Amino acid sequence: MIALLVVGALVALGMSAYQTGTMLAESKLTEMTASLDTITVQLSRTRDENARLQASLLEARQANVTLQNRYNSDVPAGEMAELFGLTRERLGQGVTAARLAQVLREAAPARPCDTRAVRKRFPLTPAGRPVEDPATLLDGLIQVSAMQPAGTGDAAKAAAITVTRAWASEPLKLTGLPAKQDIMINNAVLRLTVEASEVSGFLTATLWTCGKG
């Protein structure tokens, strides 16, 4: 009788433990299911946010490309930038826009001018002395002079050559021999060369022209 009571108690205890375990498992499963649902919702929101950010990034990149293309179109670069800067500089110096426009309208593809060579010999002026007897070319429209800097004995490396053009406000500066310079006149390219002369202390200026020199 006592054994049956003990067995019954053990069975009852086991049933109670089983029911308690089942309830705990169900509660844990419910908790995990709710947590999984929350994570799923968060993941979905994260994916939506990521898609939105990707779309915003793509839109920003496209806007940047458009802005860069507009910048490249509106802001000059290379030769155009150099031309723009020179135009602004000349306007600042008082040259009128009409004058600059006239020059551009009259500009044409340059042609080399080499049918006749005009040569003039002129002295190499020592340092510290005034320049005398420059080489005059094109009836004086172009003048070439040269000076030997102080402390130098090699004219071929150190001769400071000045080319003055009657129509230009600033002379051309060249250094060393032989010196070569193209000069534009009415869309013609005149080639100027300055080199040592066979006469000591003198240089020779040679200008290739299309006509009378």
Protein backbone atom coordinates (compact mmCIF):
# COMPACT_ATOMS: atom_id res chain seq x y z
CA MET A 1 0.00 0.00 0.00
CA ILE A 2 2.78 2.33 0.96
CA ALA A 3 4.64 1.42 -2.22
CA LEU A 4 1.61 2.35 -4.30
CA LEU A 5 1.36 5.68 -2.53
CA VAL A 6 5.07 6.35 -3.18
CA VAL A 7 4.68 5.39 -6.83
CA GLY A 8 1.61 7.62 -7.11
CA ALA A 9 3.48 10.50 -5.55
CA LEU A 10 6.39 10.05 -7.91
CA VAL A 11 4.04 9.92 -10.92
CA ALA A 12 2.24 13.04 -9.73
CA LEU A 13 5.55 14.78 -9.19
CA GLY A 14 6.72 13.74 -12.66
CA MET A 15 3.51 14.96 -14.25
CA SER A 16 3.84 18.30 -12.46
CA ALA A 17 7.45 18.66 -13.59
CA TYR A 18 6.47 17.76 -17.16
CA GLN A 19 3.66 20.30 -17.19
CA THR A 20 5.95 22.94 -15.70
CA GLY A 21 8.63 22.17 -18.30
CA THR A 22 6.10 22.26 -21.09
CA MET A 23 4.82 25.64 -19.94
CA LEU A 24 8.36 27.02 -19.71
CA ALA A 25 9.20 25.68 -23.17
CA GLU A 26 6.06 27.17 -24.65
CA SER A 27 6.83 30.51 -22.98
CA LYS A 28 10.41 30.40 -24.27
CA LEU A 29 9.20 29.50 -27.77
CA THR A 30 6.70 32.35 -27.68
CA GLU A 31 9.44 34.74 -26.55
CA MET A 32 11.82 33.54 -29.26
CA THR A 33 9.10 33.79 -31.91
CA ALA A 34 8.35 37.38 -30.87
CA SER A 35 12.06 38.17 -30.90
CA LEU A 36 12.39 36.62 -34.36
CA ASP A 37 9.46 38.70 -35.59
CA THR A 38 11.11 41.84 -34.20
CA ILE A 39 14.42 40.98 -35.86
CA THR A 40 12.63 40.27 -39.15
CA VAL A 41 10.91 43.65 -39.02
CA GLN A 42 14.21 45.37 -38.18
CA LEU A 43 15.96 43.53 -41.02
CA SER A 44 13.23 44.58 -43.44
CA ARG A 45 13.54 48.19 -42.29
CA THR A 46 17.34 47.99 -42.62
CA ARG A 47 17.00 46.65 -46.15
CA ASP A 48 14.57 49.44 -47.02
CA GLU A 49 16.91 52.04 -45.52
CA ASN A 50 19.86 50.54 -47.38
CA ALA A 51 17.91 50.64 -50.65
CA ARG A 52 17.00 54.27 -49.96
CA LEU A 53 20.62 55.14 -49.21
CA GLN A 54 21.78 53.35 -52.38
CA ALA A 55 19.24 55.31 -54.40
CA SER A 56 20.37 58.57 -52.77
CA LEU A 57 24.01 57.69 -53.48
CA LEU A 58 23.24 56.97 -57.13
CA GLU A 59 21.30 60.23 -57.40
CA ALA A 60 24.20 62.15 -55.81
CA ARG A 61 26.69 60.56 -58.20
CA GLN A 62 24.54 61.44 -61.20
CA ALA A 63 24.17 65.00 -59.92
CA ASN A 64 27.96 65.20 -59.48
CA VAL A 65 28.54 63.98 -63.04
CA THR A 66 26.06 66.55 -64.35
CA LEU A 67 27.73 69.30 -62.32
CA GLN A 68 31.20 68.23 -63.51
CA ASN A 69 30.05 68.23 -67.14
CA ARG A 70 28.54 71.68 -66.69
CA TYR A 71 31.76 72.90 -65.06
CA ASN A 72 33.86 71.47 -67.90
CA SER A 73 31.55 73.19 -70.38
CA ASP A 74 31.41 76.56 -68.63
CA VAL A 75 34.98 76.86 -67.28
CA PRO A 76 37.72 77.02 -69.92
CA ALA A 77 40.74 74.77 -69.66
CA GLY A 78 44.03 74.36 -71.48
CA GLU A 79 44.41 76.70 -74.46
CA MET A 80 40.96 78.17 -73.86
CA ALA A 81 41.90 79.01 -70.27
CA GLU A 82 45.10 80.67 -71.48
CA LEU A 83 43.17 82.67 -74.07
CA PHE A 84 40.56 83.67 -71.48
CA GLY A 85 43.26 84.78 -69.04
CA LEU A 86 45.05 86.80 -71.73
CA THR A 87 41.77 88.45 -72.74
CA ARG A 88 41.02 89.41 -69.14
CA GLU A 89 44.57 90.74 -68.73
CA ARG A 90 44.30 92.91 -71.85
CA LEU A 91 40.91 94.24 -70.81
CA GLY A 92 42.43 95.15 -67.45
CA GLN A 93 45.18 97.04 -69.26
CA GLY A 94 42.60 99.20 -71.03
CA VAL A 95 42.30 97.38 -74.36
CA THR A 96 38.67 97.60 -75.42
CA ALA A 97 36.53 94.55 -76.10
CA ALA A 98 35.89 95.89 -79.60
CA ARG A 99 39.64 95.95 -80.30
CA LEU A 100 40.08 92.37 -79.08
CA ALA A 101 37.09 91.24 -81.12
CA GLN A 102 38.60 92.88 -84.21
CA VAL A 103 41.88 91.04 -83.69
CA LEU A 104 40.05 87.71 -83.37
CA ARG A 105 37.99 88.36 -86.48
CA GLU A 106 41.10 89.17 -88.49
CA ALA A 107 43.02 86.15 -87.24
CA ALA A 108 43.47 83.33 -89.73
CA PRO A 109 45.55 80.15 -89.94
CA ALA A 110 49.22 81.13 -89.90
CA ARG A 111 51.35 80.55 -92.99
CA PRO A 112 55.15 80.30 -92.94
CA CYS A 113 56.94 83.17 -94.62
CA ASP A 114 60.31 82.04 -95.96
CA THR A 115 60.77 83.33 -99.51
CA ARG A 116 63.51 85.82 -98.65
CA ALA A 117 66.14 86.09 -95.91
CA VAL A 118 67.27 89.48 -94.62
CA ARG A 119 70.46 89.54 -92.54
CA LYS A 120 71.75 92.37 -90.38
CA ARG A 121 74.91 92.43 -88.28
CA PHE A 122 74.86 94.33 -84.99
CA PRO A 123 77.18 94.73 -81.99
CA LEU A 124 76.98 92.69 -78.80
CA THR A 125 76.78 95.41 -76.16
CA PRO A 126 78.97 94.86 -73.07
CA ALA A 127 77.24 94.91 -69.69
CA GLY A 128 76.64 98.35 -68.23
CA ARG A 129 76.72 100.20 -71.54
CA PRO A 130 73.74 101.63 -73.41
CA VAL A 131 72.56 99.62 -76.40
CA GLU A 132 73.71 101.12 -79.69
CA ASP A 133 73.08 100.30 -83.34
CA PRO A 134 70.43 97.56 -83.01
CA ALA A 135 69.65 95.52 -86.10
CA THR A 136 66.65 97.10 -87.84
CA LEU A 137 64.41 94.85 -89.94
CA LEU A 138 61.22 95.43 -91.93
CA ASP A 139 61.96 99.14 -92.29
CA GLY A 140 62.45 99.49 -88.56
CA LEU A 141 59.29 97.65 -87.48
CA ILE A 142 61.53 95.07 -85.80
CA GLN A 143 64.70 95.90 -83.89
CA VAL A 144 67.10 93.37 -82.42
CA SER A 145 69.74 94.12 -79.80
CA ALA A 146 71.87 91.99 -77.49
CA MET A 147 73.80 92.51 -74.26
CA GLN A 148 76.56 90.48 -72.65
CA PRO A 149 75.71 90.11 -68.93
CA ALA A 150 78.39 91.04 -66.40
CA GLY A 151 80.65 88.24 -65.23
CA THR A 152 80.06 86.02 -68.26
CA GLY A 153 82.47 85.38 -71.07
CA ASP A 154 80.51 82.96 -73.22
CA ALA A 155 78.12 84.90 -75.44
CA ALA A 156 76.71 81.70 -76.90
CA LYS A 157 75.23 80.78 -73.52
CA ALA A 158 74.56 84.13 -71.86
CA ALA A 159 73.71 86.72 -74.50
CA ALA A 160 70.54 88.57 -73.50
CA ILE A 161 68.64 89.36 -76.70
CA THR A 162 65.80 91.87 -76.97
CA VAL A 163 63.41 91.88 -79.94
CA THR A 164 61.34 95.06 -80.15
CA ARG A 165 58.25 95.12 -82.35
CA ALA A 166 56.76 98.49 -83.25
CA TRP A 167 53.19 97.21 -82.87
CA ALA A 168 53.72 95.44 -79.52
CA SER A 169 53.86 97.07 -76.10
CA GLU A 170 56.33 94.53 -74.70
CA PRO A 171 59.59 93.29 -76.27
CA LEU A 172 60.51 89.65 -76.66
CA LYS A 173 63.34 88.43 -74.44
CA LEU A 174 65.65 85.62 -75.60
CA THR A 175 68.74 84.11 -74.00
CA GLY A 176 71.70 82.30 -75.55
CA LEU A 177 72.86 81.64 -79.10
CA PRO A 178 71.60 80.68 -81.51
CA ALA A 179 68.24 82.18 -80.54
CA LYS A 180 65.14 81.49 -82.62
CA GLN A 181 61.76 83.21 -82.52
CA ASP A 182 58.65 83.15 -84.72
CA ILE A 183 57.03 86.56 -85.20
CA MET A 184 53.42 86.88 -86.36
CA ILE A 185 52.49 89.70 -88.77
CA ASN A 186 49.08 89.63 -90.45
CA ASN A 187 48.81 85.84 -90.09
CA ALA A 188 52.28 85.34 -91.60
CA VAL A 189 55.02 83.67 -89.56
CA LEU A 190 58.38 85.41 -89.88
CA ARG A 191 61.25 83.30 -88.58
CA LEU A 192 63.96 85.20 -86.74
CA THR A 193 67.36 83.73 -85.89
CA VAL A 194 70.11 85.44 -83.91
CA GLU A 195 73.57 83.84 -83.96
CA ALA A 196 77.23 84.62 -83.60
CA SER A 197 78.84 86.60 -86.41
CA GLU A 198 82.14 85.89 -88.12
CA VAL A 199 83.22 89.31 -86.80
CA SER A 200 84.24 89.26 -83.15
CA GLY A 201 81.96 91.24 -80.85
CA PHE A 202 79.06 91.17 -83.30
CA LEU A 203 75.95 89.03 -83.83
CA THR A 204 73.85 88.40 -86.93
CA ALA A 205 70.06 88.64 -87.06
CA THR A 206 68.37 86.77 -89.90
CA LEU A 207 64.69 87.30 -90.66
CA TRP A 208 62.82 85.24 -93.24
CA THR A 209 60.18 87.38 -94.94
CA CYS A 210 57.57 87.18 -97.65
CA GLY A 211 58.56 90.39 -99.34
CA LYS A 212 60.58 93.50 -98.84
CA GLY A 213 62.77 93.41 -95.72
